[in-house]
Protein backbone atom coordinates (compact mmCIF):
# COMPACT_ATOMS: atom_id res chain seq x y z
CA UNK A 1 11.29 -38.71 -19.76
CA UNK A 2 14.96 -38.54 -19.55
CA UNK A 3 15.68 -39.01 -23.15
CA UNK A 4 13.26 -35.68 -23.51
CA UNK A 5 15.14 -33.99 -20.86
CA UNK A 6 18.22 -35.28 -22.52
CA UNK A 7 17.30 -33.60 -25.78
CA UNK A 8 16.19 -30.38 -24.27
CA UNK A 9 19.20 -29.89 -22.40
CA UNK A 10 21.78 -30.68 -25.66
CA UNK A 11 19.69 -28.44 -27.80
CA UNK A 12 20.11 -25.68 -25.05
CA UNK A 13 23.53 -25.67 -24.92
CA UNK A 14 24.37 -26.38 -28.06
CA UNK A 15 22.94 -22.74 -29.15
CA UNK A 16 24.08 -20.06 -27.20
CA UNK A 17 22.82 -17.35 -29.10
CA UNK A 18 19.72 -17.80 -30.44
CA UNK A 19 17.41 -15.01 -30.12
CA UNK A 20 14.36 -15.34 -27.68
CA UNK A 21 12.35 -16.32 -30.54
CA UNK A 22 14.19 -19.52 -30.87
CA UNK A 23 15.12 -20.29 -27.07
CA UNK A 24 13.79 -23.68 -26.47
CA UNK A 25 10.29 -23.85 -24.71
CA UNK A 26 9.77 -24.60 -20.96
CA UNK A 27 6.48 -26.01 -22.22
CA UNK A 28 7.93 -29.26 -23.80
CA UNK A 29 9.05 -30.20 -20.12
CA UNK A 30 6.10 -28.98 -18.52
CA UNK A 31 4.21 -31.47 -20.89
CA UNK A 32 6.00 -34.42 -19.64
CA UNK A 33 6.34 -33.80 -15.84
CA UNK A 34 3.48 -36.10 -14.19
CA UNK A 35 1.02 -34.62 -11.75
CA UNK A 36 2.72 -33.86 -8.24
CA UNK A 37 6.05 -34.28 -9.86
CA UNK A 38 8.91 -31.75 -9.69
CA UNK A 39 10.64 -30.10 -12.85
CA UNK A 40 14.32 -30.05 -12.63
CA UNK A 41 15.53 -28.30 -16.06
CA UNK A 42 18.84 -27.49 -16.37
CA UNK A 43 20.29 -23.97 -16.09
CA UNK A 44 19.51 -21.02 -18.95
CA UNK A 45 16.71 -19.27 -20.81
CA UNK A 46 13.51 -20.96 -21.79
CA UNK A 47 10.66 -19.48 -24.18
CA UNK A 48 7.08 -18.52 -23.09
CA UNK A 49 4.22 -18.46 -22.69
CA UNK A 50 4.08 -21.74 -20.65
CA UNK A 51 0.67 -22.55 -19.19
CA UNK A 52 1.04 -25.00 -15.85
CA UNK A 53 -2.50 -26.99 -15.96
CA UNK A 54 -1.69 -29.38 -12.75
CA UNK A 55 -0.04 -29.78 -9.65
CA UNK A 56 4.14 -29.89 -9.77
CA UNK A 57 6.87 -27.94 -8.27
CA UNK A 58 9.20 -26.15 -10.28
CA UNK A 59 12.86 -24.88 -8.92
CA UNK A 60 14.90 -22.68 -10.97
CA UNK A 61 17.46 -22.15 -8.57
CA UNK A 62 18.01 -19.11 -9.38
CA UNK A 63 19.45 -20.53 -12.94
CA UNK A 64 16.36 -20.59 -14.74
CA UNK A 65 14.78 -17.48 -16.72
CA UNK A 66 11.30 -17.86 -18.94
CA UNK A 67 11.48 -15.31 -21.68
CA UNK A 68 7.59 -14.28 -23.03
CA UNK A 69 9.30 -12.65 -25.73
CA UNK A 70 7.04 -9.66 -25.61
CA UNK A 71 3.50 -11.59 -26.05
CA UNK A 72 0.83 -12.38 -23.70
CA UNK A 73 1.68 -13.76 -20.09
CA UNK A 74 4.73 -15.31 -19.10
CA UNK A 75 3.86 -17.97 -17.29
CA UNK A 76 -0.11 -19.10 -16.44
CA UNK A 77 -1.07 -21.28 -13.87
CA UNK A 78 -4.75 -23.06 -14.05
CA UNK A 79 -4.19 -25.47 -11.46
CA UNK A 80 -3.79 -25.97 -7.37
CA UNK A 81 -0.89 -26.94 -5.49
CA UNK A 82 1.81 -25.13 -7.84
CA UNK A 83 4.78 -23.94 -6.16
CA UNK A 84 7.12 -21.58 -8.44
CA UNK A 85 10.22 -20.94 -7.08
CA UNK A 86 13.34 -18.93 -7.76
CA UNK A 87 12.97 -18.66 -11.54
CA UNK A 88 12.86 -15.60 -13.42
CA UNK A 89 10.08 -14.42 -15.59
CA UNK A 90 10.65 -11.70 -18.06
CA UNK A 91 9.50 -9.89 -21.30
CA UNK A 92 5.47 -10.07 -20.60
CA UNK A 93 3.15 -8.51 -24.06
CA UNK A 94 2.37 -4.75 -23.15
CA UNK A 95 -1.32 -5.08 -23.14
CA UNK A 96 -3.49 -3.61 -20.20
CA UNK A 97 -6.53 -4.94 -21.58
CA UNK A 98 -5.16 -8.10 -21.65
CA UNK A 99 -3.66 -7.77 -18.13
CA UNK A 100 0.14 -9.40 -19.60
CA UNK A 101 1.67 -10.34 -16.33
CA UNK A 102 5.02 -11.70 -15.40
CA UNK A 103 2.27 -14.77 -14.01
CA UNK A 104 -1.06 -15.06 -13.84
CA UNK A 105 -3.20 -17.43 -11.45
CA UNK A 106 -7.12 -18.33 -12.58
CA UNK A 107 -9.07 -20.92 -10.63
CA UNK A 108 -5.89 -21.87 -8.37
CA UNK A 109 -5.73 -22.08 -4.70
CA UNK A 110 -2.90 -23.10 -2.35
CA UNK A 111 -0.37 -22.10 -4.78
CA UNK A 112 3.02 -20.95 -3.18
CA UNK A 113 5.02 -18.18 -5.34
CA UNK A 114 8.15 -17.40 -3.78
CA UNK A 115 11.51 -16.18 -4.12
CA UNK A 116 11.46 -15.11 -7.85
CA UNK A 117 12.25 -12.39 -9.90
CA UNK A 118 9.87 -11.09 -12.11
CA UNK A 119 10.92 -7.76 -14.52
CA UNK A 120 10.27 -6.11 -17.65
CA UNK A 121 6.82 -7.15 -17.43
CA UNK A 122 3.19 -5.35 -18.09
CA UNK A 123 1.71 -6.30 -14.81
CA UNK A 124 3.62 -8.26 -12.16
CA UNK A 125 1.48 -10.98 -10.55
CA UNK A 126 -2.00 -11.08 -11.31
CA UNK A 127 -5.05 -13.67 -9.52
CA UNK A 128 -8.12 -14.07 -11.12
CA UNK A 129 -10.77 -16.05 -8.80
CA UNK A 130 -7.83 -17.89 -6.95
CA UNK A 131 -7.92 -18.29 -3.00
CA UNK A 132 -5.27 -19.65 -0.38
CA UNK A 133 -2.18 -18.56 -2.20
CA UNK A 134 1.30 -17.42 -0.96
CA UNK A 135 2.97 -14.85 -2.73
CA UNK A 136 6.20 -14.09 -0.75
CA UNK A 137 9.75 -12.75 -1.46
CA UNK A 138 10.04 -12.07 -5.06
CA UNK A 139 10.99 -8.87 -6.60
CA UNK A 140 8.84 -7.46 -8.97
CA UNK A 141 9.32 -4.50 -11.18
CA UNK A 142 6.72 -3.54 -14.29
CA UNK A 143 7.79 -1.39 -17.29
CA UNK A 144 7.78 2.16 -18.18
CA UNK A 145 8.56 5.74 -17.10
CA UNK A 146 4.76 7.03 -16.28
CA UNK A 147 3.18 5.64 -13.19
CA UNK A 148 -0.04 5.32 -15.57
CA UNK A 149 2.11 3.48 -18.55
CA UNK A 150 2.78 0.42 -15.88
CA UNK A 151 0.76 -2.15 -14.79
CA UNK A 152 0.19 -3.29 -11.55
CA UNK A 153 2.64 -5.16 -8.87
CA UNK A 154 0.11 -7.21 -7.63
CA UNK A 155 -3.44 -7.51 -8.56
CA UNK A 156 -6.32 -9.29 -7.12
CA UNK A 157 -9.50 -9.93 -8.23
CA UNK A 158 -12.09 -12.09 -6.71
CA UNK A 159 -9.72 -13.83 -4.82
CA UNK A 160 -9.75 -14.15 -0.82
CA UNK A 161 -7.50 -15.51 1.87
CA UNK A 162 -4.53 -14.69 -0.04
CA UNK A 163 -0.97 -13.95 1.82
CA UNK A 164 1.12 -11.11 0.01
CA UNK A 165 4.06 -11.43 2.43
CA UNK A 166 7.66 -10.35 2.23
CA UNK A 167 8.31 -8.75 -1.62
CA UNK A 168 10.64 -6.25 -3.42
CA UNK A 169 8.03 -4.16 -5.44
CA UNK A 170 9.23 -1.07 -7.18
CA UNK A 171 8.35 0.89 -10.05
CA UNK A 172 4.88 -0.07 -10.62
CA UNK A 173 1.68 1.29 -10.90
CA UNK A 174 -0.29 0.16 -8.25
CA UNK A 175 -1.10 -2.97 -5.82
CA UNK A 176 -4.51 -2.87 -6.64
CA UNK A 177 -7.34 -5.03 -4.83
CA UNK A 178 -10.67 -5.41 -6.07
CA UNK A 179 -14.03 -7.66 -4.87
CA UNK A 180 -11.40 -9.53 -2.60
CA UNK A 181 -12.12 -10.45 1.00
CA UNK A 182 -9.70 -11.75 3.41
CA UNK A 183 -6.18 -10.68 2.15
CA UNK A 184 -2.96 -10.42 4.11
CA UNK A 185 -0.41 -7.90 2.95
CA UNK A 186 2.43 -8.47 5.81
CA UNK A 187 6.24 -7.37 5.23
CA UNK A 188 6.50 -5.77 1.91
CA UNK A 189 8.12 -3.08 0.59
CA UNK A 190 6.97 -0.62 -2.02
CA UNK A 191 8.56 2.23 -3.55
CA UNK A 192 8.52 4.61 -6.50
CA UNK A 193 5.13 3.93 -7.88
CA UNK A 194 1.48 5.37 -7.76
CA UNK A 195 -0.14 4.07 -4.78
CA UNK A 196 1.43 1.48 -2.74
CA UNK A 197 -1.79 -0.32 -1.98
CA UNK A 198 -4.89 0.73 -3.56
CA UNK A 199 -8.21 -1.84 -1.69
CA UNK A 200 -11.54 -1.75 -3.50
CA UNK A 201 -14.39 -3.57 -2.27
CA UNK A 202 -11.83 -5.52 -0.17
CA UNK A 203 -13.26 -6.29 3.20
CA UNK A 204 -11.47 -7.57 6.19
CA UNK A 205 -8.09 -6.58 4.47
CA UNK A 206 -4.70 -6.92 6.77
CA UNK A 207 -1.82 -4.63 5.93
CA UNK A 208 0.95 -5.27 8.68
CA UNK A 209 4.42 -4.28 8.93
CA UNK A 210 5.08 -2.59 5.29
CA UNK A 211 7.44 0.37 4.03
CA UNK A 212 5.68 1.97 1.37
CA UNK A 213 7.92 5.03 0.45
CA UNK A 214 8.34 7.88 -2.09
CA UNK A 215 4.96 6.97 -3.66
CA UNK A 216 2.34 9.35 -4.70
CA UNK A 217 -0.48 7.64 -2.14
CA UNK A 218 0.61 5.16 0.68
CA UNK A 219 -2.97 3.18 1.48
CA UNK A 220 -6.08 3.75 0.13
CA UNK A 221 -9.16 2.39 0.94
CA UNK A 222 -12.48 2.41 -0.78
CA UNK A 223 -16.04 1.20 0.19
CA UNK A 224 -13.99 -1.21 2.29
CA UNK A 225 -14.83 -2.49 5.67
CA UNK A 226 -13.10 -4.06 8.65
CA UNK A 227 -9.90 -3.10 7.59
CA UNK A 228 -6.77 -3.48 10.08
CA UNK A 229 -3.78 -1.04 8.59
CA UNK A 230 -0.99 -1.43 11.97
CA UNK A 231 2.54 -1.48 12.46
CA UNK A 232 3.12 0.41 8.82
CA UNK A 233 5.91 2.76 7.71
CA UNK A 234 4.70 5.58 5.20
CA UNK A 235 6.96 7.96 3.83
CA UNK A 236 7.16 10.66 1.16
CA UNK A 237 3.58 10.72 -0.17
CA UNK A 238 4.44 14.26 -1.32
CA UNK A 239 2.18 14.76 -4.48
CA UNK A 240 -0.60 17.72 -4.71
CA UNK A 241 -3.24 14.68 -4.00
CA UNK A 242 -1.13 12.44 -2.08
CA UNK A 243 -1.48 11.09 1.54
CA UNK A 244 0.10 8.53 3.50
CA UNK A 245 -3.08 7.21 4.16
CA UNK A 246 -6.80 7.92 2.49
CA UNK A 247 -9.89 6.35 3.66
CA UNK A 248 -12.79 6.98 1.76
CA UNK A 249 -16.76 5.51 2.47
CA UNK A 250 -14.78 2.64 4.72
CA UNK A 251 -15.48 2.42 7.77
CA UNK A 252 -15.28 -0.15 11.16
CA UNK A 253 -11.29 0.77 10.27
CA UNK A 254 -8.52 0.23 12.19
CA UNK A 255 -5.25 2.33 12.23
CA UNK A 256 -3.05 1.69 14.63
CA UNK A 257 0.95 1.98 15.43
CA UNK A 258 1.84 3.61 12.11
CA UNK A 259 4.90 5.55 11.23
CA UNK A 260 3.09 8.40 8.80
CA UNK A 261 5.91 10.61 7.72
CA UNK A 262 6.86 13.56 5.31
CA UNK A 263 3.18 13.26 3.19
CA UNK A 264 1.01 15.74 1.72
CA UNK A 265 -1.60 14.51 4.06
CA UNK A 266 -0.82 12.43 6.64
CA UNK A 267 -4.22 10.82 7.23
CA UNK A 268 -7.12 11.62 4.83
CA UNK A 269 -10.41 10.29 5.66
CA UNK A 270 -14.47 11.27 5.54
CA UNK A 271 -16.97 9.91 7.87
CA UNK A 272 -18.19 6.08 8.10
CA UNK A 273 -21.39 5.90 6.23
CA UNK A 274 -22.77 3.96 9.57
CA UNK A 275 -22.94 5.93 12.67
CA UNK A 276 -21.10 2.77 14.92
CA UNK A 277 -18.55 2.06 12.08
CA UNK A 278 -16.41 3.54 13.74
CA UNK A 279 -12.56 4.56 12.27
CA UNK A 280 -9.96 4.25 15.43
CA UNK A 281 -6.82 5.90 14.99
CA UNK A 282 -4.51 4.76 17.59
CA UNK A 283 -0.75 4.88 18.53
CA UNK A 284 0.69 6.91 15.50
CA UNK A 285 3.41 9.41 14.87
CA UNK A 286 2.18 11.53 12.60
CA UNK A 287 5.12 14.05 11.82
CA UNK A 288 6.63 16.17 9.71
CA UNK A 289 3.24 16.31 7.37
CA UNK A 290 1.60 19.87 5.64
CA UNK A 291 -0.86 18.47 6.96
CA UNK A 292 -1.33 15.42 9.43
CA UNK A 293 -4.81 14.60 9.32
CA UNK A 294 -8.14 15.72 7.43
CA UNK A 295 -11.23 14.59 8.12
CA UNK A 296 -13.99 15.64 6.07
CA UNK A 297 -18.13 15.25 5.55
CA UNK A 298 -19.71 15.12 8.72
CA UNK A 299 -17.03 15.50 11.08
CA UNK A 300 -17.80 12.82 13.30
CA UNK A 301 -16.85 8.98 13.79
CA UNK A 302 -13.30 9.09 14.24
CA UNK A 303 -11.45 7.63 17.85
CA UNK A 304 -8.33 9.29 17.62
CA UNK A 305 -6.56 7.94 21.01
CA UNK A 306 -2.77 8.51 21.72
CA UNK A 307 -1.55 9.75 18.79
CA UNK A 308 2.11 12.09 18.23
CA UNK A 309 1.58 14.66 16.13
CA UNK A 310 4.79 16.17 15.75
CA UNK A 311 6.48 19.10 13.47
CA UNK A 312 3.32 18.91 10.89
CA UNK A 313 2.51 22.53 9.29
CA UNK A 314 -0.84 21.83 10.46
CA UNK A 315 -1.87 19.62 13.13
CA UNK A 316 -5.43 18.86 11.92
CA UNK A 317 -8.34 20.06 9.38
CA UNK A 318 -11.74 19.01 10.60
CA UNK A 319 -15.07 18.95 8.49
CA UNK A 320 -17.01 22.02 7.03
CA UNK A 321 -17.66 25.36 8.40
CA UNK A 322 -20.40 25.84 10.73
CA UNK A 323 -20.54 22.42 12.00
CA UNK A 324 -19.87 20.67 14.78
CA UNK A 325 -16.82 18.56 15.48
CA UNK A 326 -18.42 14.86 16.72
CA UNK A 327 -15.17 13.57 16.63
CA UNK A 328 -13.58 11.67 19.98
CA UNK A 329 -9.71 13.18 20.52
CA UNK A 330 -8.29 12.42 23.42
CA UNK A 331 -4.74 11.30 25.00
CA UNK A 332 -2.76 12.96 22.07
CA UNK A 333 0.91 14.20 22.24
CA UNK A 334 0.58 17.85 20.31
CA UNK A 335 4.35 19.12 19.67
CA UNK A 336 2.50 22.55 19.71
CA UNK A 337 0.76 22.26 23.40
CA UNK A 338 1.49 25.43 25.41
CA UNK A 339 -0.73 24.35 28.44
CA UNK A 340 1.32 22.85 31.79
CA UNK A 341 0.96 19.74 33.90
CA UNK A 342 1.41 21.05 37.74
CA UNK A 343 0.52 17.94 39.31
CA UNK A 344 3.00 15.56 36.70
CA UNK A 345 0.50 12.80 35.96
CA UNK A 346 1.30 13.12 32.42
CA UNK A 347 -1.67 15.16 31.07
CA UNK A 348 -2.24 18.69 30.58
CA UNK A 349 -4.26 20.65 32.90
CA UNK A 350 -5.65 22.39 30.11
CA UNK A 351 -7.11 21.25 26.79
CA UNK A 352 -5.42 21.26 23.89
CA UNK A 353 -7.06 23.48 21.05
CA UNK A 354 -7.17 24.29 17.40
CA UNK A 355 -8.60 27.29 16.44
CA UNK A 356 -9.46 28.67 12.74
CA UNK A 357 -8.48 32.74 12.60
CA UNK A 358 -7.10 33.57 9.06
CA UNK A 359 -6.09 30.27 8.29
CA UNK A 360 -9.65 29.84 6.87
CA UNK A 361 -8.87 31.57 3.75
CA UNK A 362 -6.18 28.76 2.80
CA UNK A 363 -8.39 26.65 4.42
CA UNK A 364 -11.63 27.11 2.57
CA UNK A 365 -10.12 28.80 -0.68
CA UNK A 366 -8.05 25.82 -1.95
CA UNK A 367 -5.91 28.40 -4.82
CA UNK A 368 -5.08 30.49 -1.59
CA UNK A 369 -2.93 27.23 -0.40
CA UNK A 370 -0.07 28.12 -2.45
CA UNK A 371 0.46 31.13 -0.23
CA UNK A 372 0.20 29.28 3.06
CA UNK A 373 2.58 30.20 5.16
CA UNK A 374 3.35 33.40 3.13
CA UNK A 375 5.06 36.33 5.13
CA UNK A 376 0.94 37.82 4.05
CA UNK A 377 -0.89 35.06 5.33
CA UNK A 378 1.80 34.67 8.45
CA UNK A 379 0.72 38.44 9.56
CA UNK A 380 -3.14 38.29 9.14
CA UNK A 381 -3.14 35.09 11.12
CA UNK A 382 -1.10 37.11 13.91
CA UNK A 383 -3.08 40.06 13.79
CA UNK A 384 -6.61 38.22 13.74
CA UNK A 385 -5.06 36.17 17.27
CA UNK A 386 -4.21 39.81 18.51
CA UNK A 387 -7.71 41.30 17.41
CA UNK A 388 -10.02 38.64 16.05
CA UNK A 389 -12.05 40.94 13.00
CA UNK A 390 -14.14 37.56 12.54
CA UNK A 391 -15.05 34.68 15.07
CA UNK A 392 -12.19 32.39 14.97
CA UNK A 393 -13.97 28.65 14.39
CA UNK A 394 -12.87 25.52 16.96
CA UNK A 395 -11.55 22.75 14.98
CA UNK A 396 -10.93 20.21 17.79
CA UNK A 397 -10.12 19.72 21.18
CA UNK A 398 -8.26 17.37 23.29
CA UNK A 399 -9.74 17.23 27.02
CA UNK A 400 -6.49 15.38 28.05
CA UNK A 401 -3.07 15.89 25.88
CA UNK A 402 -0.08 14.22 26.74
CA UNK A 403 2.08 16.83 28.07
CA UNK A 404 5.37 15.05 27.90
CA UNK A 405 7.11 13.86 24.77
CA UNK A 406 6.60 10.05 26.47
CA UNK A 407 6.32 7.10 23.52
CA UNK A 408 4.00 4.78 24.85
CA UNK A 409 2.51 3.79 21.50
CA UNK A 410 4.27 0.68 19.30
CA UNK A 411 6.75 1.46 16.72
CA UNK A 412 7.06 -0.25 13.28
CA UNK A 413 9.22 -3.12 13.73
CA UNK A 414 7.49 -3.94 16.94
CA UNK A 415 5.53 -7.15 17.70
CA UNK A 416 1.50 -6.74 17.97
């Protein structure tokens, strides 16, 4: 093995100006590394794609680049107990159908992928049928100006019990988790992308202490039960259809202790598919959104407790016309509450209520939303409150609103 290393090292340093296609291949180094061994290649750039088919450690020490040459996936791992650390993986192919990635793990478990730079690739890290892996501390960038043309920064397919922690991800399409259970997304930063996190049939996923900013949508869940979303900061999802958190056909969900700020809709949710699978929204700060929360469908199944609603253009929209609100609202702080707290117990003496007057024009006629807050609609709303020309509709009632601006909930950086 020393002879091979010396030969490859001499080849590397004697021709520093070679084109990518003429770079020395890292595959030769991988092939002579014994199972469970450590590959310590000399600093420099190596040609990919490469395939790892047995357990080993490759530590680039921030001085080794694997260049895919624009063909396929840069590194494919078809083994377990592999460690890839402090490498740069770059220049994958551009096939969406082929899922050309910086790194692909197929049917592998207990792999450690940490502190790598993965850039100029279509997809970042793809896991297929792979469990109990840790993807941590990596810097991931896709390619392409239009988010729809990019690949997913991280993609999980039929992969369970993986930990995605502390990654810096930017300019991707989505993070997609499909048919994958019990995965953890903790402490990641995702920005300037389409959907920061897209969960499809991803039951029992934990999403905790992440920062999602300047994406079209923060977190989307579809047919995913038992999801826990807590202590995240989600900001600036202001596309016309954007939302900080969007829940669709997902029950038994906990949304706790998050900051959802400056989004088109802070929290968008339909009703749970089963009456006992409640969606709990507790101790969140929902501020500076066009709509704070929007619950559509059967107008039931949500527990909304001890949240702070501040400076939203419209605090909440609930259900369709003519339906009764069966959600539970209690102990929330509403910055536009006009009641008193004469016994100074922190709870308002009268309920907080939202009634729909002329607002129904833009609520029930989507094309009129463009004129929301215009002088004409504001005048109509003012006049109808003085002398209603149609019966207003009660949207929601919080019987015990928090009367003072006291922060009793957790913050993003607090420990749960």
